[in-house]
N, C-alpha and C. Protein backbone atom coordinates (compact mmCIF):
# COMPACT_ATOMS: atom_id res chain seq x y z
N MET A 1 92.42 -29.93 8.59
CA MET A 1 91.57 -29.06 8.86
C MET A 1 91.00 -29.50 10.30
N ILE A 2 90.98 -28.43 11.20
CA ILE A 2 90.46 -28.76 12.39
C ILE A 2 89.01 -28.63 12.31
N THR A 3 88.19 -29.54 12.87
CA THR A 3 86.70 -29.56 12.94
C THR A 3 86.24 -29.34 14.50
N VAL A 4 85.47 -28.36 14.62
CA VAL A 4 84.96 -28.30 15.91
C VAL A 4 83.59 -28.77 15.94
N HIS A 5 83.05 -29.59 16.64
CA HIS A 5 81.85 -30.06 16.96
C HIS A 5 81.05 -29.20 17.99
N HIS A 6 80.25 -28.32 17.55
CA HIS A 6 79.73 -27.22 18.29
C HIS A 6 78.55 -27.19 18.69
N LEU A 7 78.22 -27.09 19.85
CA LEU A 7 76.74 -27.19 20.34
C LEU A 7 76.45 -25.71 20.67
N ASN A 8 75.18 -25.32 20.41
CA ASN A 8 74.87 -23.90 20.69
C ASN A 8 74.80 -23.57 22.35
N ASN A 9 75.06 -22.48 22.67
CA ASN A 9 74.94 -22.06 23.87
C ASN A 9 75.94 -23.07 24.81
N SER A 10 77.03 -23.33 24.56
CA SER A 10 77.96 -24.32 25.37
C SER A 10 79.38 -23.67 25.47
N ARG A 11 80.08 -24.52 26.19
CA ARG A 11 81.56 -24.29 26.44
C ARG A 11 82.33 -24.36 25.09
N SER A 12 82.04 -24.65 24.11
CA SER A 12 82.66 -24.93 22.71
C SER A 12 82.84 -23.49 22.15
N GLN A 13 82.02 -22.71 22.50
CA GLN A 13 82.24 -21.13 22.13
C GLN A 13 83.70 -20.75 22.44
N ARG A 14 84.25 -20.91 23.53
CA ARG A 14 85.57 -20.56 23.79
C ARG A 14 86.51 -21.35 22.91
N ILE A 15 86.47 -22.45 22.55
CA ILE A 15 87.24 -23.22 21.50
C ILE A 15 87.42 -22.33 20.28
N LEU A 16 86.24 -21.92 19.77
CA LEU A 16 86.15 -20.93 18.58
C LEU A 16 87.11 -19.79 18.82
N TRP A 17 86.82 -19.29 19.90
CA TRP A 17 87.66 -17.99 20.36
C TRP A 17 89.20 -18.29 20.36
N LEU A 18 89.55 -19.33 21.03
CA LEU A 18 91.10 -19.94 21.00
C LEU A 18 91.52 -19.90 19.45
N LEU A 19 90.56 -20.59 18.66
CA LEU A 19 91.17 -20.78 17.19
C LEU A 19 91.25 -19.58 16.59
N GLU A 20 90.48 -18.54 16.77
CA GLU A 20 90.48 -17.02 16.23
C GLU A 20 91.88 -16.48 16.75
N GLU A 21 91.93 -16.65 17.91
CA GLU A 21 93.32 -16.04 18.53
C GLU A 21 94.58 -16.66 17.98
N LEU A 22 94.56 -17.99 17.50
CA LEU A 22 95.56 -18.70 17.02
C LEU A 22 95.74 -18.48 15.56
N GLU A 23 94.69 -17.80 14.88
CA GLU A 23 94.65 -17.61 13.63
C GLU A 23 94.53 -19.01 12.67
N LEU A 24 93.97 -20.19 13.20
CA LEU A 24 93.93 -21.21 12.76
C LEU A 24 92.69 -21.40 11.94
N PRO A 25 92.89 -22.16 10.55
CA PRO A 25 91.60 -22.64 9.84
C PRO A 25 90.78 -23.71 10.46
N TYR A 26 89.55 -23.45 10.36
CA TYR A 26 88.79 -24.59 11.07
C TYR A 26 87.41 -24.50 10.45
N GLU A 27 86.60 -25.57 10.62
CA GLU A 27 85.32 -25.58 10.26
C GLU A 27 84.45 -26.17 11.40
N ILE A 28 83.28 -25.73 11.24
CA ILE A 28 82.00 -26.14 12.54
C ILE A 28 81.25 -26.96 12.01
N VAL A 29 80.96 -27.99 12.75
CA VAL A 29 79.78 -28.78 12.62
C VAL A 29 78.74 -28.60 13.70
N ARG A 30 77.66 -28.05 13.43
CA ARG A 30 76.71 -27.36 14.38
C ARG A 30 75.75 -28.63 14.83
N TYR A 31 75.34 -28.51 16.28
CA TYR A 31 74.51 -29.28 16.90
C TYR A 31 73.68 -28.51 17.71
N GLU A 32 72.24 -28.69 17.59
CA GLU A 32 71.51 -27.95 18.58
C GLU A 32 71.00 -28.74 19.76
N ARG A 33 70.88 -27.88 20.91
CA ARG A 33 70.08 -28.55 22.01
C ARG A 33 68.75 -28.94 21.99
N ASP A 34 68.23 -29.95 22.53
CA ASP A 34 66.81 -30.19 22.58
C ASP A 34 66.06 -29.20 23.59
N ALA A 35 65.09 -28.72 22.70
CA ALA A 35 64.33 -27.59 23.27
C ALA A 35 63.59 -27.85 24.70
N GLU A 36 63.51 -29.12 25.00
CA GLU A 36 62.65 -29.38 26.09
C GLU A 36 63.83 -29.56 27.38
N THR A 37 64.64 -30.59 26.93
CA THR A 37 65.78 -30.93 28.00
C THR A 37 66.98 -30.15 28.04
N MET A 38 67.29 -29.36 26.81
CA MET A 38 68.45 -28.68 26.61
C MET A 38 69.65 -29.59 26.63
N LEU A 39 69.65 -30.53 26.32
CA LEU A 39 70.68 -31.62 26.28
C LEU A 39 71.04 -31.64 24.73
N ALA A 40 72.30 -32.17 24.75
CA ALA A 40 72.95 -32.57 23.46
C ALA A 40 72.14 -33.28 22.46
N PRO A 41 72.21 -33.44 21.20
CA PRO A 41 71.49 -34.45 20.58
C PRO A 41 72.29 -35.69 20.66
N GLN A 42 71.62 -36.96 20.20
CA GLN A 42 72.35 -37.99 20.26
C GLN A 42 73.34 -38.12 19.16
N SER A 43 73.24 -37.25 18.08
CA SER A 43 74.29 -37.27 17.11
C SER A 43 75.72 -37.18 17.54
N LEU A 44 75.78 -36.22 18.62
CA LEU A 44 77.27 -36.10 19.22
C LEU A 44 77.89 -37.34 19.70
N LYS A 45 77.07 -38.39 20.11
CA LYS A 45 77.63 -39.68 20.41
C LYS A 45 78.43 -40.47 19.33
N ASP A 46 78.14 -40.14 18.07
CA ASP A 46 78.66 -40.61 17.04
C ASP A 46 80.10 -40.01 16.83
N VAL A 47 80.52 -39.00 17.46
CA VAL A 47 81.62 -38.39 17.33
C VAL A 47 82.51 -38.66 18.56
N HIS A 48 82.01 -38.68 19.84
CA HIS A 48 82.66 -39.19 21.02
C HIS A 48 81.61 -39.79 21.91
N PRO A 49 81.92 -40.88 22.61
CA PRO A 49 80.87 -41.71 23.28
C PRO A 49 79.96 -40.96 24.36
N LEU A 50 80.58 -39.89 24.79
CA LEU A 50 79.91 -39.19 25.76
C LEU A 50 78.97 -38.21 25.46
N GLY A 51 79.00 -37.87 24.16
CA GLY A 51 77.91 -37.13 23.42
C GLY A 51 78.00 -35.54 24.06
N LYS A 52 79.14 -35.17 24.59
CA LYS A 52 79.33 -33.85 24.87
C LYS A 52 79.99 -32.90 23.99
N SER A 53 79.85 -31.72 24.21
CA SER A 53 80.63 -30.63 23.45
C SER A 53 81.38 -29.80 24.52
N PRO A 54 82.65 -29.45 24.03
CA PRO A 54 83.15 -29.20 22.74
C PRO A 54 83.94 -30.59 22.57
N VAL A 55 83.91 -30.92 21.40
CA VAL A 55 84.77 -31.85 20.72
C VAL A 55 85.58 -31.50 19.45
N ILE A 56 86.85 -31.68 19.19
CA ILE A 56 87.33 -31.33 18.00
C ILE A 56 88.10 -32.69 17.36
N THR A 57 87.93 -32.55 15.97
CA THR A 57 88.65 -33.58 15.49
C THR A 57 89.88 -33.01 14.39
N ASP A 58 90.84 -33.70 14.48
CA ASP A 58 92.01 -33.19 13.74
C ASP A 58 92.83 -34.18 12.98
N GLY A 59 92.36 -34.45 11.73
CA GLY A 59 92.93 -35.53 11.18
C GLY A 59 92.17 -36.79 11.75
N GLU A 60 92.91 -37.71 12.17
CA GLU A 60 92.32 -38.91 12.69
C GLU A 60 92.32 -38.90 14.46
N THR A 61 92.61 -37.68 14.77
CA THR A 61 92.71 -37.50 16.38
C THR A 61 91.29 -36.76 16.81
N THR A 62 90.64 -37.43 17.77
CA THR A 62 89.63 -36.75 18.41
C THR A 62 89.77 -36.54 19.88
N ILE A 63 89.24 -35.23 20.18
CA ILE A 63 89.76 -34.89 21.54
C ILE A 63 88.55 -34.10 22.12
N ALA A 64 88.04 -34.58 23.38
CA ALA A 64 86.94 -34.04 24.07
C ALA A 64 87.56 -33.30 25.31
N GLU A 65 86.83 -32.34 26.00
CA GLU A 65 87.02 -31.93 27.41
C GLU A 65 87.81 -30.52 27.00
N SER A 66 87.19 -29.41 27.50
CA SER A 66 87.85 -27.98 26.97
C SER A 66 89.23 -27.88 27.17
N GLY A 67 89.61 -28.15 28.66
CA GLY A 67 90.94 -28.00 28.91
C GLY A 67 92.20 -28.84 28.13
N THR A 68 91.61 -30.11 27.76
CA THR A 68 92.34 -30.92 27.04
C THR A 68 92.53 -30.49 25.69
N ILE A 69 91.53 -29.86 25.07
CA ILE A 69 91.43 -29.19 23.66
C ILE A 69 92.29 -28.01 23.78
N VAL A 70 92.51 -27.21 24.76
CA VAL A 70 93.01 -25.92 24.91
C VAL A 70 94.54 -26.40 24.91
N GLU A 71 95.04 -27.46 25.76
CA GLU A 71 96.46 -27.85 25.83
C GLU A 71 96.84 -28.33 24.38
N TYR A 72 96.05 -29.29 23.75
CA TYR A 72 96.32 -29.64 22.49
C TYR A 72 96.69 -28.72 21.59
N LEU A 73 95.72 -27.75 21.25
CA LEU A 73 95.98 -26.93 20.37
C LEU A 73 97.10 -25.88 20.67
N LEU A 74 97.28 -25.40 21.94
CA LEU A 74 98.62 -24.78 22.10
C LEU A 74 99.78 -25.43 21.91
N GLU A 75 100.01 -26.82 22.24
CA GLU A 75 101.11 -27.58 22.12
C GLU A 75 101.42 -27.84 20.59
N LYS A 76 100.39 -28.01 19.95
CA LYS A 76 100.52 -28.36 18.53
C LYS A 76 100.68 -27.21 17.61
N TYR A 77 99.84 -26.15 17.95
CA TYR A 77 99.82 -24.95 16.95
C TYR A 77 100.18 -23.72 17.59
N GLY A 78 100.34 -23.47 18.87
CA GLY A 78 100.41 -22.47 19.62
C GLY A 78 101.74 -21.54 19.42
N LEU A 79 102.85 -22.17 19.09
CA LEU A 79 104.15 -21.59 18.98
C LEU A 79 104.42 -20.47 20.00
N GLY A 80 104.16 -20.94 21.25
CA GLY A 80 104.35 -20.21 22.26
C GLY A 80 103.34 -19.14 22.66
N ARG A 81 102.37 -18.99 21.79
CA ARG A 81 101.24 -17.99 21.85
C ARG A 81 100.36 -18.39 23.16
N LEU A 82 99.80 -17.34 23.87
CA LEU A 82 98.80 -17.29 24.71
C LEU A 82 99.02 -18.55 25.91
N MET A 83 100.30 -18.67 26.26
CA MET A 83 100.67 -19.44 27.51
C MET A 83 102.15 -18.70 27.84
N PRO A 84 102.13 -18.33 29.07
CA PRO A 84 103.45 -17.90 29.60
C PRO A 84 104.60 -18.89 29.50
N GLY A 85 105.79 -18.56 29.16
CA GLY A 85 106.98 -19.56 29.14
C GLY A 85 107.32 -20.29 30.51
N LYS A 86 107.60 -21.48 30.13
CA LYS A 86 107.84 -22.27 31.16
C LYS A 86 108.81 -21.63 32.34
N ASP A 87 109.66 -20.96 32.00
CA ASP A 87 110.48 -20.42 32.96
C ASP A 87 109.87 -19.16 33.75
N SER A 88 108.78 -18.94 33.37
CA SER A 88 107.88 -17.51 34.06
C SER A 88 107.26 -18.20 35.23
N ALA A 89 106.97 -17.30 36.25
CA ALA A 89 106.31 -17.40 37.42
C ALA A 89 104.77 -17.61 37.12
N ASP A 90 104.40 -17.22 35.85
CA ASP A 90 103.00 -17.17 35.53
C ASP A 90 102.56 -18.52 34.84
N TYR A 91 103.59 -19.26 34.64
CA TYR A 91 103.29 -20.57 33.90
C TYR A 91 102.48 -21.57 34.45
N TRP A 92 102.84 -21.71 35.67
CA TRP A 92 102.00 -22.66 36.56
C TRP A 92 100.71 -21.99 37.00
N GLN A 93 100.66 -20.77 37.09
CA GLN A 93 99.31 -20.26 37.44
C GLN A 93 98.53 -20.03 36.29
N ALA A 94 98.89 -20.17 35.14
CA ALA A 94 97.99 -20.26 33.84
C ALA A 94 97.46 -21.70 33.69
N ARG A 95 98.52 -22.61 34.06
CA ARG A 95 97.84 -23.94 34.11
C ARG A 95 96.91 -24.36 34.99
N PHE A 96 97.20 -23.70 36.32
CA PHE A 96 96.17 -23.75 37.38
C PHE A 96 94.67 -23.56 37.04
N TRP A 97 94.64 -22.02 36.14
CA TRP A 97 93.30 -21.87 35.73
C TRP A 97 92.92 -22.73 34.76
N LEU A 98 93.39 -23.26 33.90
CA LEU A 98 93.10 -24.16 32.95
C LEU A 98 92.16 -25.43 33.37
N HIS A 99 92.76 -25.82 34.59
CA HIS A 99 91.94 -26.80 35.25
C HIS A 99 91.10 -26.45 36.34
N TYR A 100 91.39 -25.26 36.79
CA TYR A 100 90.45 -24.93 37.78
C TYR A 100 88.98 -24.42 37.24
N ALA A 101 89.06 -23.82 36.02
CA ALA A 101 87.72 -23.46 35.22
C ALA A 101 86.80 -24.45 35.30
N GLU A 102 87.05 -25.80 35.13
CA GLU A 102 86.04 -26.78 35.00
C GLU A 102 85.84 -27.55 36.26
N GLY A 103 87.06 -27.84 36.88
CA GLY A 103 87.41 -28.66 38.00
C GLY A 103 86.73 -28.05 39.32
N SER A 104 86.79 -26.91 39.40
CA SER A 104 86.40 -26.08 40.62
C SER A 104 85.19 -24.97 40.47
N ALA A 105 85.34 -24.36 39.48
CA ALA A 105 84.57 -23.11 39.11
C ALA A 105 83.07 -23.57 38.77
N MET A 106 83.00 -24.73 37.81
CA MET A 106 81.74 -25.05 37.14
C MET A 106 80.83 -25.68 38.23
N PRO A 107 81.37 -26.66 38.81
CA PRO A 107 80.43 -27.39 39.68
C PRO A 107 79.28 -26.58 40.41
N PRO A 108 79.54 -25.67 41.24
CA PRO A 108 78.64 -24.95 42.03
C PRO A 108 77.45 -23.95 41.04
N LEU A 109 78.19 -23.53 39.78
CA LEU A 109 77.51 -22.95 38.85
C LEU A 109 76.35 -23.83 38.31
N LEU A 110 76.80 -25.16 38.01
CA LEU A 110 76.08 -26.16 37.50
C LEU A 110 74.68 -26.55 38.46
N MET A 111 75.27 -26.58 39.84
CA MET A 111 74.27 -26.84 40.96
C MET A 111 73.22 -25.80 41.06
N LYS A 112 73.67 -24.57 40.86
CA LYS A 112 72.76 -23.53 41.06
C LYS A 112 71.71 -23.52 39.72
N LEU A 113 72.13 -23.83 38.56
CA LEU A 113 71.53 -24.08 37.27
C LEU A 113 70.18 -25.13 37.69
N VAL A 114 70.95 -26.18 38.33
CA VAL A 114 69.79 -27.52 38.36
C VAL A 114 68.82 -27.03 39.55
N PHE A 115 69.34 -26.54 40.66
CA PHE A 115 68.21 -26.23 41.75
C PHE A 115 67.19 -25.14 41.49
N ASN A 116 67.66 -24.25 40.47
CA ASN A 116 66.92 -23.29 39.98
C ASN A 116 65.80 -23.87 39.16
N ARG A 117 66.23 -24.88 38.36
CA ARG A 117 65.23 -25.54 37.56
C ARG A 117 64.18 -26.46 38.42
N VAL A 118 64.71 -27.02 39.31
CA VAL A 118 63.85 -27.65 40.29
C VAL A 118 62.77 -26.82 40.86
N LYS A 119 63.13 -25.62 41.15
CA LYS A 119 62.16 -24.61 41.79
C LYS A 119 61.06 -24.26 40.64
N GLU A 120 61.37 -24.34 39.33
CA GLU A 120 60.63 -23.92 38.38
C GLU A 120 59.77 -25.06 37.60
N ALA A 121 60.18 -26.26 37.96
CA ALA A 121 59.73 -27.62 37.20
C ALA A 121 58.23 -27.79 37.32
N ASP A 122 57.63 -28.37 36.42
CA ASP A 122 56.18 -28.84 36.53
C ASP A 122 56.17 -30.08 37.19
N MET A 123 55.23 -29.99 38.58
CA MET A 123 54.96 -31.17 39.51
C MET A 123 53.61 -30.92 40.16
N PRO A 124 53.10 -31.86 40.66
CA PRO A 124 51.80 -31.71 41.39
C PRO A 124 51.77 -30.75 42.49
N PHE A 125 50.89 -30.06 42.79
CA PHE A 125 50.87 -28.70 43.73
C PHE A 125 51.05 -29.11 45.06
N PHE A 126 51.10 -30.20 45.36
CA PHE A 126 51.17 -30.71 46.83
C PHE A 126 52.75 -31.09 47.20
N VAL A 127 53.39 -31.22 45.74
CA VAL A 127 54.94 -31.48 46.08
C VAL A 127 55.64 -30.54 45.66
N LYS A 128 55.17 -29.52 45.06
CA LYS A 128 55.97 -28.34 44.72
C LYS A 128 56.55 -27.46 45.95
N PRO A 129 55.71 -27.20 47.18
CA PRO A 129 56.37 -26.62 48.21
C PRO A 129 57.49 -27.16 48.89
N VAL A 130 57.50 -28.65 48.86
CA VAL A 130 58.46 -29.49 49.46
C VAL A 130 59.69 -29.13 48.57
N ALA A 131 59.52 -29.48 47.30
CA ALA A 131 60.74 -29.42 46.33
C ALA A 131 61.31 -27.98 46.39
N LYS A 132 60.49 -26.99 46.33
CA LYS A 132 61.15 -25.49 46.38
C LYS A 132 61.67 -25.32 47.82
N GLY A 133 61.17 -25.77 48.72
CA GLY A 133 61.77 -25.58 50.06
C GLY A 133 63.25 -26.17 50.15
N ILE A 134 63.42 -27.44 49.53
CA ILE A 134 64.67 -28.13 49.43
C ILE A 134 65.59 -27.32 48.76
N ALA A 135 65.07 -26.96 47.67
CA ALA A 135 66.18 -26.34 46.49
C ALA A 135 66.51 -24.95 47.12
N ASP A 136 65.59 -24.42 47.69
CA ASP A 136 65.96 -22.89 48.58
C ASP A 136 67.14 -23.24 49.47
N LYS A 137 66.92 -24.14 50.37
CA LYS A 137 67.76 -24.66 51.44
C LYS A 137 69.06 -24.87 51.09
N VAL A 138 69.17 -25.70 49.72
CA VAL A 138 70.43 -25.99 49.33
C VAL A 138 71.14 -24.87 48.57
N LEU A 139 70.33 -23.99 48.09
CA LEU A 139 70.98 -22.86 47.36
C LEU A 139 71.46 -21.95 48.35
N SER A 140 70.67 -21.56 49.46
CA SER A 140 71.12 -20.71 50.33
C SER A 140 72.23 -21.10 51.33
N ASN A 141 72.17 -22.25 51.66
CA ASN A 141 73.20 -22.76 52.78
C ASN A 141 74.51 -23.38 52.07
N PHE A 142 74.57 -23.79 50.87
CA PHE A 142 75.64 -24.19 50.32
C PHE A 142 76.02 -23.59 48.80
N VAL A 143 75.06 -23.52 47.81
CA VAL A 143 75.49 -23.17 46.54
C VAL A 143 75.91 -21.71 46.43
N ASN A 144 74.94 -20.83 47.09
CA ASN A 144 75.22 -19.53 46.65
C ASN A 144 76.39 -18.87 47.53
N PRO A 145 76.52 -19.49 48.55
CA PRO A 145 78.01 -19.06 49.23
C PRO A 145 79.20 -19.54 48.62
N GLN A 146 79.11 -20.71 47.89
CA GLN A 146 80.18 -21.17 47.15
C GLN A 146 80.45 -20.35 45.85
N VAL A 147 79.20 -20.06 45.31
CA VAL A 147 79.54 -19.10 43.97
C VAL A 147 80.13 -17.66 44.51
N LYS A 148 79.73 -17.18 45.61
CA LYS A 148 80.03 -15.91 46.19
C LYS A 148 81.65 -15.91 46.56
N ASN A 149 81.98 -16.97 47.08
CA ASN A 149 83.41 -17.40 47.44
C ASN A 149 84.40 -17.33 46.10
N HIS A 150 83.88 -18.32 45.28
CA HIS A 150 84.60 -18.12 43.92
C HIS A 150 84.67 -16.85 43.18
N MET A 151 83.54 -16.05 43.21
CA MET A 151 83.62 -14.74 42.65
C MET A 151 84.65 -13.77 43.33
N ALA A 152 84.70 -13.99 44.48
CA ALA A 152 85.57 -13.14 45.47
C ALA A 152 87.13 -13.32 45.00
N TYR A 153 87.10 -14.61 44.73
CA TYR A 153 88.62 -15.17 44.37
C TYR A 153 89.15 -14.73 42.96
N TRP A 154 88.21 -14.70 41.97
CA TRP A 154 88.44 -14.31 40.57
C TRP A 154 88.68 -12.57 40.75
N GLU A 155 88.01 -11.94 41.63
CA GLU A 155 87.81 -10.57 41.57
C GLU A 155 89.39 -10.18 42.24
N ASP A 156 89.79 -10.90 43.14
CA ASP A 156 91.12 -10.52 43.81
C ASP A 156 92.19 -10.81 42.87
N SER A 157 91.98 -12.08 42.30
CA SER A 157 93.08 -12.65 41.23
C SER A 157 93.20 -11.65 39.97
N LEU A 158 92.27 -10.91 39.68
CA LEU A 158 92.33 -10.10 38.63
C LEU A 158 92.95 -8.51 38.94
N ALA A 159 93.16 -8.31 40.21
CA ALA A 159 93.40 -6.95 40.81
C ALA A 159 94.79 -6.63 40.27
N ALA A 160 95.77 -7.38 40.09
CA ALA A 160 97.08 -7.12 39.81
C ALA A 160 97.43 -6.67 38.44
N THR A 161 96.85 -7.35 37.42
CA THR A 161 97.24 -7.19 35.98
C THR A 161 95.95 -7.00 35.03
N GLY A 162 94.85 -7.39 35.74
CA GLY A 162 93.61 -7.22 34.97
C GLY A 162 93.39 -8.49 34.04
N TRP A 163 94.38 -9.54 34.19
CA TRP A 163 94.40 -10.86 33.35
C TRP A 163 94.40 -11.91 34.44
N PHE A 164 94.01 -13.17 34.15
CA PHE A 164 93.98 -14.15 34.99
C PHE A 164 95.58 -14.90 35.35
N ALA A 165 96.31 -14.55 34.32
CA ALA A 165 97.73 -15.12 34.48
C ALA A 165 98.63 -14.25 33.46
N GLY A 166 99.59 -13.64 34.41
CA GLY A 166 100.51 -12.72 33.42
C GLY A 166 99.80 -11.19 33.24
N THR A 167 100.44 -10.57 32.29
CA THR A 167 100.01 -9.07 31.90
C THR A 167 99.37 -8.91 30.61
N GLU A 168 98.93 -10.27 30.19
CA GLU A 168 98.19 -10.10 28.84
C GLU A 168 97.36 -11.14 28.61
N LEU A 169 96.51 -11.30 27.83
CA LEU A 169 95.55 -12.41 27.43
C LEU A 169 96.16 -13.66 27.26
N SER A 170 95.74 -14.65 28.01
CA SER A 170 96.20 -16.21 27.86
C SER A 170 95.12 -17.06 27.79
N ALA A 171 95.75 -18.48 27.56
CA ALA A 171 94.79 -19.45 27.74
C ALA A 171 93.99 -19.57 28.97
N ALA A 172 94.53 -18.97 30.07
CA ALA A 172 93.79 -18.97 31.15
C ALA A 172 92.49 -18.21 31.07
N ASP A 173 92.64 -16.95 30.50
CA ASP A 173 91.44 -16.14 30.35
C ASP A 173 90.26 -16.87 29.43
N ILE A 174 90.89 -17.40 28.45
CA ILE A 174 89.89 -18.33 27.51
C ILE A 174 89.15 -19.21 28.36
N MET A 175 89.66 -19.90 29.07
CA MET A 175 89.16 -21.13 29.92
C MET A 175 88.23 -20.33 31.08
N MET A 176 88.53 -19.34 31.54
CA MET A 176 87.78 -18.75 32.63
C MET A 176 86.63 -17.96 31.90
N SER A 177 86.52 -17.91 30.69
CA SER A 177 85.48 -16.98 30.23
C SER A 177 84.08 -17.52 30.29
N PHE A 178 84.01 -18.81 30.15
CA PHE A 178 82.81 -19.50 30.41
C PHE A 178 82.06 -19.57 31.92
N PRO A 179 82.90 -19.89 32.93
CA PRO A 179 82.53 -19.55 34.13
C PRO A 179 82.18 -18.11 34.59
N VAL A 180 82.82 -17.12 33.92
CA VAL A 180 82.62 -15.82 34.16
C VAL A 180 81.42 -15.50 33.68
N GLU A 181 81.20 -15.72 32.34
CA GLU A 181 79.92 -15.43 31.53
C GLU A 181 78.89 -16.16 32.05
N ALA A 182 78.92 -17.46 32.73
CA ALA A 182 77.90 -18.09 33.46
C ALA A 182 77.39 -17.28 34.86
N VAL A 183 78.33 -16.86 35.39
CA VAL A 183 78.04 -16.05 36.56
C VAL A 183 77.31 -14.86 36.31
N ALA A 184 77.79 -14.02 35.23
CA ALA A 184 77.14 -12.83 34.79
C ALA A 184 75.86 -13.28 34.44
N ALA A 185 75.43 -14.35 33.80
CA ALA A 185 74.17 -14.51 33.30
C ALA A 185 73.15 -14.93 34.58
N ARG A 186 73.69 -15.81 35.33
CA ARG A 186 72.90 -16.43 36.41
C ARG A 186 72.98 -15.60 37.86
N THR A 187 74.05 -14.80 37.93
CA THR A 187 74.09 -14.18 39.25
C THR A 187 74.08 -12.50 39.19
N GLY A 188 74.79 -12.16 38.00
CA GLY A 188 75.08 -10.85 37.59
C GLY A 188 76.34 -10.36 38.58
N LEU A 189 77.12 -9.35 37.93
CA LEU A 189 78.15 -8.81 38.44
C LEU A 189 77.87 -7.38 38.80
N GLY A 190 77.64 -7.28 40.36
CA GLY A 190 77.41 -6.01 40.82
C GLY A 190 78.59 -5.02 40.99
N SER A 191 78.30 -3.87 41.70
CA SER A 191 79.46 -2.85 41.74
C SER A 191 80.58 -3.23 42.59
N ASP A 192 80.52 -4.50 43.40
CA ASP A 192 81.62 -5.02 44.23
C ASP A 192 82.49 -6.01 43.40
N HIS A 193 82.19 -5.92 42.12
CA HIS A 193 83.13 -6.78 41.30
C HIS A 193 83.76 -5.93 40.03
N PRO A 194 84.36 -4.90 40.22
CA PRO A 194 84.75 -4.01 39.14
C PRO A 194 85.87 -4.50 38.27
N ASN A 195 86.57 -5.57 38.85
CA ASN A 195 87.74 -6.13 38.10
C ASN A 195 87.02 -7.13 37.04
N LEU A 196 86.25 -7.77 37.79
CA LEU A 196 85.47 -8.80 36.67
C LEU A 196 84.62 -8.31 35.75
N LYS A 197 83.99 -7.03 35.93
CA LYS A 197 83.16 -6.49 34.94
C LYS A 197 84.18 -5.86 33.82
N ALA A 198 85.33 -5.29 34.36
CA ALA A 198 86.51 -4.62 33.48
C ALA A 198 86.95 -5.68 32.33
N TRP A 199 87.07 -6.90 33.11
CA TRP A 199 87.91 -8.13 32.58
C TRP A 199 86.85 -8.67 31.22
N LEU A 200 85.70 -8.57 31.79
CA LEU A 200 84.70 -9.13 30.71
C LEU A 200 84.39 -8.21 29.61
N GLU A 201 84.42 -6.73 29.98
CA GLU A 201 84.35 -6.04 28.92
C GLU A 201 85.50 -6.10 27.82
N LYS A 202 86.79 -6.10 28.50
CA LYS A 202 87.88 -6.39 27.36
C LYS A 202 87.84 -7.78 26.65
N VAL A 203 87.21 -8.81 27.18
CA VAL A 203 87.11 -9.85 26.59
C VAL A 203 86.16 -9.82 25.37
N HIS A 204 84.94 -9.18 25.64
CA HIS A 204 83.94 -9.08 24.65
C HIS A 204 84.24 -8.10 23.57
N GLY A 205 85.18 -7.23 23.81
CA GLY A 205 85.52 -6.26 22.91
C GLY A 205 86.75 -6.56 21.94
N ARG A 206 87.03 -7.75 22.20
CA ARG A 206 88.29 -8.33 21.39
C ARG A 206 87.59 -8.88 19.75
N ASP A 207 88.34 -8.41 18.84
CA ASP A 207 87.84 -8.91 17.37
C ASP A 207 87.81 -10.33 17.32
N THR A 208 88.74 -10.97 17.88
CA THR A 208 88.79 -12.40 17.73
C THR A 208 87.58 -13.08 18.56
N TYR A 209 87.14 -12.46 19.61
CA TYR A 209 85.90 -12.98 20.49
C TYR A 209 84.65 -12.56 19.63
N LYS A 210 84.60 -11.44 18.98
CA LYS A 210 83.46 -11.20 18.17
C LYS A 210 83.34 -12.10 16.91
N ALA A 211 84.46 -12.36 16.20
CA ALA A 211 84.42 -13.35 15.22
C ALA A 211 84.13 -14.75 15.50
N ALA A 212 84.33 -15.32 16.81
CA ALA A 212 84.11 -16.50 17.17
C ALA A 212 82.64 -16.35 17.23
N LEU A 213 82.17 -15.37 17.97
CA LEU A 213 80.75 -15.40 18.36
C LEU A 213 79.81 -15.27 16.93
N GLU A 214 80.34 -14.59 16.17
CA GLU A 214 79.56 -14.45 14.61
C GLU A 214 79.66 -15.87 13.98
N LYS A 215 80.78 -16.65 14.01
CA LYS A 215 80.70 -17.91 13.41
C LYS A 215 80.00 -18.88 14.25
N GLY A 216 79.91 -18.76 15.57
CA GLY A 216 79.35 -19.88 16.39
C GLY A 216 77.86 -19.80 16.60
N GLY A 217 77.31 -18.55 16.38
CA GLY A 217 76.00 -18.53 16.41
C GLY A 217 75.46 -18.12 17.82
N GLU A 218 74.37 -18.47 18.12
CA GLU A 218 73.60 -18.09 19.34
C GLU A 218 74.28 -18.67 20.52
N TYR A 219 74.43 -17.61 21.48
CA TYR A 219 75.05 -17.74 22.60
C TYR A 219 74.47 -17.22 23.97
N ALA A 220 73.36 -17.70 24.42
CA ALA A 220 72.49 -17.24 25.41
C ALA A 220 72.83 -18.11 26.52
N LEU A 221 73.71 -17.78 27.55
CA LEU A 221 73.78 -19.07 28.60
C LEU A 221 72.46 -19.05 29.31
N MET A 222 72.29 -20.31 29.66
CA MET A 222 71.03 -20.57 30.49
C MET A 222 71.17 -20.14 31.86
N SER A 223 70.07 -19.41 32.14
CA SER A 223 69.90 -18.79 33.56
C SER A 223 69.05 -19.57 34.55
């Protein structure tokens, strides 16, 4: 039995979705974020030293990191599903998105979250204007342009088929679900991103996605 160590409002939601797509049995061990810090509880460190989610255990095997978990599940249980064949031109494109989702897409989104929190944090009144000014400068000069550039790239990448790799849902789409949902929550998808909006509607409309959401529980991405 595969066990998903699942943190609310986190990347582990897409692992539940992948397991639903693969029709694999699994159980969930739930962890709740600290209400003040929004960090994972110390108990996750009992599963993996970093204390991060997602983590899965499969027998004696413990695996962390979303991309590694996706690759493990596909190679061990996928039977060729959700990944273009190795002789396909889409294969390496799918592998690219598997790594890009965390390696390139998430850092500017995380920075956006952090600096927005700096602006709202409690601090002495004489410090707040300085902190807010620095945060606004970093956001306007670096973070927001980076996010805008990534969003344009996603929009163009979806133009051909409506999926990130190939002509149907793949692991690339599952990995990209978190960055796109984070953008939708923290920035919004305007009329200039019709492909992204259509893709997100397709994803949210899948029965497997809905089943994962029902089993995973609360999933309100932090803004």
